Amino acid sequence: MIAEHIRQEIANLVVVSAGGTFGITVSIGASVLGGEDGGWEEAMLRADRAMYRAKGASRNAVLGIAPDGAEFDANGITGRRPQ
């Protein structure tokens, strides 16, 4: 949800410059820290791969890669910690 909200807000921006107006988009990659991960660096590398996949697939998208390598809908990530 957080990443999709950011993507939508950026897509709604109108940039005004001396050359005219234009819009911008963003592709966002996400991952989660898995129990098998040795540290946060592995999750960051997956998020980086997810961003490039999102950019290559359609641009202006949000994509997640799980610790097992499977793609997932990153819109379910809310930023809250489990209790």
N, C-alpha and C. Protein backbone atom coordinates (compact mmCIF):
# COMPACT_ATOMS: atom_id res chain seq x y z
N MET A 1 0.81 -1.19 0.00
CA MET A 1 0.00 0.00 0.00
C MET A 1 0.85 1.25 0.00
N ILE A 2 1.90 1.25 0.78
CA ILE A 2 2.75 2.43 0.84
C ILE A 2 3.38 2.70 -0.52
N ALA A 3 3.97 1.67 -1.11
CA ALA A 3 4.65 1.85 -2.40
C ALA A 3 3.66 2.26 -3.49
N GLU A 4 2.48 1.66 -3.51
CA GLU A 4 1.48 2.02 -4.52
C GLU A 4 1.00 3.45 -4.32
N HIS A 5 0.85 3.87 -3.08
CA HIS A 5 0.44 5.25 -2.81
C HIS A 5 1.51 6.22 -3.32
N ILE A 6 2.77 5.92 -3.07
CA ILE A 6 3.86 6.77 -3.57
C ILE A 6 3.84 6.80 -5.09
N ARG A 7 3.68 5.63 -5.73
CA ARG A 7 3.65 5.56 -7.20
C ARG A 7 2.54 6.42 -7.76
N GLN A 8 1.35 6.31 -7.17
CA GLN A 8 0.21 7.09 -7.65
C GLN A 8 0.42 8.59 -7.48
N GLU A 9 0.95 8.99 -6.32
CA GLU A 9 1.18 10.41 -6.07
C GLU A 9 2.19 10.99 -7.07
N ILE A 10 3.24 10.24 -7.36
CA ILE A 10 4.23 10.71 -8.33
C ILE A 10 3.60 10.78 -9.73
N ALA A 11 2.81 9.77 -10.09
CA ALA A 11 2.15 9.76 -11.41
C ALA A 11 1.18 10.93 -11.57
N ASN A 12 0.64 11.45 -10.47
CA ASN A 12 -0.30 12.57 -10.53
C ASN A 12 0.40 13.93 -10.63
N LEU A 13 1.71 13.95 -10.45
CA LEU A 13 2.44 15.22 -10.52
C LEU A 13 2.50 15.75 -11.94
N VAL A 14 2.44 17.05 -12.07
CA VAL A 14 2.66 17.72 -13.34
C VAL A 14 3.86 18.64 -13.15
N VAL A 15 4.90 18.39 -13.91
CA VAL A 15 6.12 19.19 -13.80
C VAL A 15 6.06 20.29 -14.85
N VAL A 16 6.29 21.51 -14.40
CA VAL A 16 6.27 22.67 -15.30
C VAL A 16 7.70 23.15 -15.46
N SER A 17 8.13 23.27 -16.71
CA SER A 17 9.48 23.74 -16.98
C SER A 17 9.43 24.76 -18.12
N ALA A 18 10.57 25.33 -18.43
CA ALA A 18 10.63 26.30 -19.53
C ALA A 18 10.23 25.65 -20.85
N GLY A 19 10.45 24.34 -20.96
CA GLY A 19 10.11 23.62 -22.19
C GLY A 19 8.68 23.14 -22.27
N GLY A 20 7.91 23.33 -21.22
CA GLY A 20 6.53 22.89 -21.20
C GLY A 20 6.22 22.09 -19.95
N THR A 21 5.12 21.37 -20.00
CA THR A 21 4.73 20.55 -18.86
C THR A 21 4.86 19.08 -19.23
N PHE A 22 5.13 18.27 -18.24
CA PHE A 22 5.22 16.83 -18.48
C PHE A 22 4.96 16.09 -17.17
N GLY A 23 4.67 14.81 -17.30
CA GLY A 23 4.45 13.96 -16.15
C GLY A 23 5.64 13.04 -15.94
N ILE A 24 5.73 12.47 -14.77
CA ILE A 24 6.79 11.51 -14.48
C ILE A 24 6.16 10.26 -13.86
N THR A 25 6.87 9.16 -13.96
CA THR A 25 6.42 7.92 -13.35
C THR A 25 7.58 7.30 -12.58
N VAL A 26 7.25 6.29 -11.79
CA VAL A 26 8.27 5.61 -11.00
C VAL A 26 7.94 4.12 -10.95
N SER A 27 8.97 3.31 -10.98
CA SER A 27 8.81 1.87 -10.75
C SER A 27 9.45 1.57 -9.39
N ILE A 28 8.76 0.80 -8.57
CA ILE A 28 9.21 0.53 -7.21
C ILE A 28 9.35 -0.97 -6.99
N GLY A 29 10.48 -1.38 -6.43
CA GLY A 29 10.70 -2.76 -6.07
C GLY A 29 10.66 -2.92 -4.56
N ALA A 30 10.16 -4.07 -4.11
CA ALA A 30 10.04 -4.33 -2.68
C ALA A 30 10.42 -5.78 -2.39
N SER A 31 10.74 -6.04 -1.15
CA SER A 31 10.97 -7.40 -0.68
C SER A 31 10.73 -7.41 0.82
N VAL A 32 10.81 -8.58 1.39
CA VAL A 32 10.68 -8.73 2.84
C VAL A 32 11.89 -9.52 3.34
N LEU A 33 12.22 -9.31 4.58
CA LEU A 33 13.33 -10.01 5.18
C LEU A 33 12.87 -11.41 5.57
N GLY A 34 13.51 -12.41 5.00
CA GLY A 34 13.14 -13.79 5.27
C GLY A 34 13.98 -14.40 6.38
N GLY A 35 13.47 -15.45 7.00
CA GLY A 35 14.18 -16.12 8.07
C GLY A 35 15.52 -16.69 7.66
N GLU A 36 15.67 -17.02 6.37
CA GLU A 36 16.92 -17.60 5.87
C GLU A 36 17.94 -16.54 5.51
N ASP A 37 17.51 -15.29 5.44
CA ASP A 37 18.42 -14.22 5.05
C ASP A 37 19.48 -14.00 6.12
N GLY A 38 20.70 -13.76 5.65
CA GLY A 38 21.79 -13.48 6.57
C GLY A 38 21.77 -12.06 7.10
N GLY A 39 21.01 -11.19 6.47
CA GLY A 39 20.93 -9.79 6.87
C GLY A 39 20.04 -9.02 5.91
N TRP A 40 19.88 -7.74 6.19
CA TRP A 40 18.99 -6.91 5.39
C TRP A 40 19.50 -6.71 3.96
N GLU A 41 20.81 -6.91 3.75
CA GLU A 41 21.38 -6.70 2.42
C GLU A 41 20.73 -7.61 1.37
N GLU A 42 20.41 -8.84 1.76
CA GLU A 42 19.80 -9.77 0.81
C GLU A 42 18.42 -9.29 0.39
N ALA A 43 17.64 -8.79 1.33
CA ALA A 43 16.32 -8.25 1.01
C ALA A 43 16.45 -7.02 0.11
N MET A 44 17.46 -6.19 0.37
CA MET A 44 17.67 -5.00 -0.47
C MET A 44 18.04 -5.39 -1.90
N LEU A 45 18.85 -6.42 -2.06
CA LEU A 45 19.21 -6.88 -3.40
C LEU A 45 17.98 -7.40 -4.15
N ARG A 46 17.10 -8.10 -3.45
CA ARG A 46 15.85 -8.58 -4.08
C ARG A 46 14.97 -7.39 -4.47
N ALA A 47 14.87 -6.40 -3.60
CA ALA A 47 14.07 -5.22 -3.91
C ALA A 47 14.63 -4.50 -5.13
N ASP A 48 15.94 -4.45 -5.24
CA ASP A 48 16.57 -3.84 -6.41
C ASP A 48 16.23 -4.60 -7.68
N ARG A 49 16.30 -5.94 -7.62
CA ARG A 49 15.92 -6.76 -8.78
C ARG A 49 14.46 -6.56 -9.13
N ALA A 50 13.61 -6.46 -8.11
CA ALA A 50 12.18 -6.25 -8.34
C ALA A 50 11.93 -4.93 -9.04
N MET A 51 12.66 -3.89 -8.66
CA MET A 51 12.49 -2.59 -9.29
C MET A 51 12.85 -2.66 -10.77
N TYR A 52 13.96 -3.32 -11.10
CA TYR A 52 14.35 -3.43 -12.50
C TYR A 52 13.36 -4.29 -13.29
N ARG A 53 12.82 -5.32 -12.67
CA ARG A 53 11.78 -6.13 -13.35
C ARG A 53 10.53 -5.30 -13.59
N ALA A 54 10.12 -4.51 -12.60
CA ALA A 54 8.95 -3.65 -12.76
C ALA A 54 9.18 -2.63 -13.86
N LYS A 55 10.36 -2.08 -13.89
CA LYS A 55 10.71 -1.09 -14.90
C LYS A 55 10.73 -1.72 -16.29
N GLY A 56 11.26 -2.93 -16.38
CA GLY A 56 11.34 -3.60 -17.68
C GLY A 56 10.01 -4.14 -18.17
N ALA A 57 9.14 -4.51 -17.25
CA ALA A 57 7.87 -5.13 -17.63
C ALA A 57 6.85 -4.11 -18.10
N SER A 58 6.70 -3.02 -17.36
CA SER A 58 5.64 -2.08 -17.75
C SER A 58 5.94 -0.65 -17.36
N ARG A 59 6.91 -0.44 -16.54
CA ARG A 59 7.19 0.88 -15.96
C ARG A 59 5.99 1.35 -15.16
N ASN A 60 6.20 2.36 -14.35
CA ASN A 60 5.11 2.89 -13.53
C ASN A 60 4.39 1.78 -12.78
N ALA A 61 5.16 0.92 -12.12
CA ALA A 61 4.59 -0.26 -11.47
C ALA A 61 5.27 -0.52 -10.13
N VAL A 62 4.63 -1.36 -9.33
CA VAL A 62 5.17 -1.81 -8.05
C VAL A 62 5.27 -3.33 -8.11
N LEU A 63 6.42 -3.88 -7.76
CA LEU A 63 6.61 -5.33 -7.80
C LEU A 63 7.44 -5.76 -6.61
N GLY A 64 7.13 -6.92 -6.05
CA GLY A 64 7.90 -7.47 -4.94
C GLY A 64 8.50 -8.80 -5.30
N ILE A 65 9.62 -9.14 -4.69
CA ILE A 65 10.23 -10.46 -4.83
C ILE A 65 10.43 -11.02 -3.42
N ALA A 66 9.85 -12.20 -3.18
CA ALA A 66 9.92 -12.87 -1.88
C ALA A 66 11.28 -13.54 -1.71
N PRO A 67 11.62 -13.95 -0.48
CA PRO A 67 12.90 -14.64 -0.25
C PRO A 67 13.09 -15.89 -1.10
N ASP A 68 11.98 -16.55 -1.49
CA ASP A 68 12.12 -17.74 -2.33
C ASP A 68 12.24 -17.41 -3.81
N GLY A 69 12.27 -16.11 -4.14
CA GLY A 69 12.43 -15.68 -5.52
C GLY A 69 11.14 -15.44 -6.28
N ALA A 70 10.02 -15.80 -5.66
CA ALA A 70 8.72 -15.61 -6.33
C ALA A 70 8.31 -14.14 -6.29
N GLU A 71 7.71 -13.69 -7.39
CA GLU A 71 7.18 -12.33 -7.42
C GLU A 71 5.88 -12.30 -6.61
N PHE A 72 5.62 -11.16 -5.97
CA PHE A 72 4.38 -11.01 -5.22
C PHE A 72 3.86 -9.59 -5.36
N ASP A 73 2.58 -9.42 -5.05
CA ASP A 73 1.94 -8.11 -5.10
C ASP A 73 2.40 -7.30 -3.90
N ALA A 74 3.27 -6.35 -4.14
CA ALA A 74 3.86 -5.57 -3.05
C ALA A 74 2.86 -4.59 -2.44
N ASN A 75 1.68 -4.47 -3.01
CA ASN A 75 0.68 -3.56 -2.44
C ASN A 75 0.20 -4.02 -1.08
N GLY A 76 0.46 -5.27 -0.72
CA GLY A 76 0.06 -5.77 0.58
C GLY A 76 0.99 -5.37 1.71
N ILE A 77 2.14 -4.78 1.39
CA ILE A 77 3.10 -4.34 2.40
C ILE A 77 2.62 -3.01 2.96
N THR A 78 2.34 -3.00 4.26
CA THR A 78 1.79 -1.79 4.86
C THR A 78 2.79 -1.02 5.70
N GLY A 79 3.89 -1.63 6.05
CA GLY A 79 4.87 -0.94 6.87
C GLY A 79 4.65 -1.13 8.36
N ARG A 80 3.64 -1.90 8.72
CA ARG A 80 3.40 -2.18 10.14
C ARG A 80 4.09 -3.47 10.52
N ARG A 81 4.60 -3.52 11.72
CA ARG A 81 5.25 -4.73 12.20
C ARG A 81 4.20 -5.67 12.77
N PRO A 82 4.38 -6.98 12.56
CA PRO A 82 3.45 -7.94 13.16
C PRO A 82 3.56 -7.89 14.68
N GLN A 83 2.46 -8.15 15.35
CA GLN A 83 2.45 -8.12 16.81
C GLN A 83 2.50 -9.50 17.39
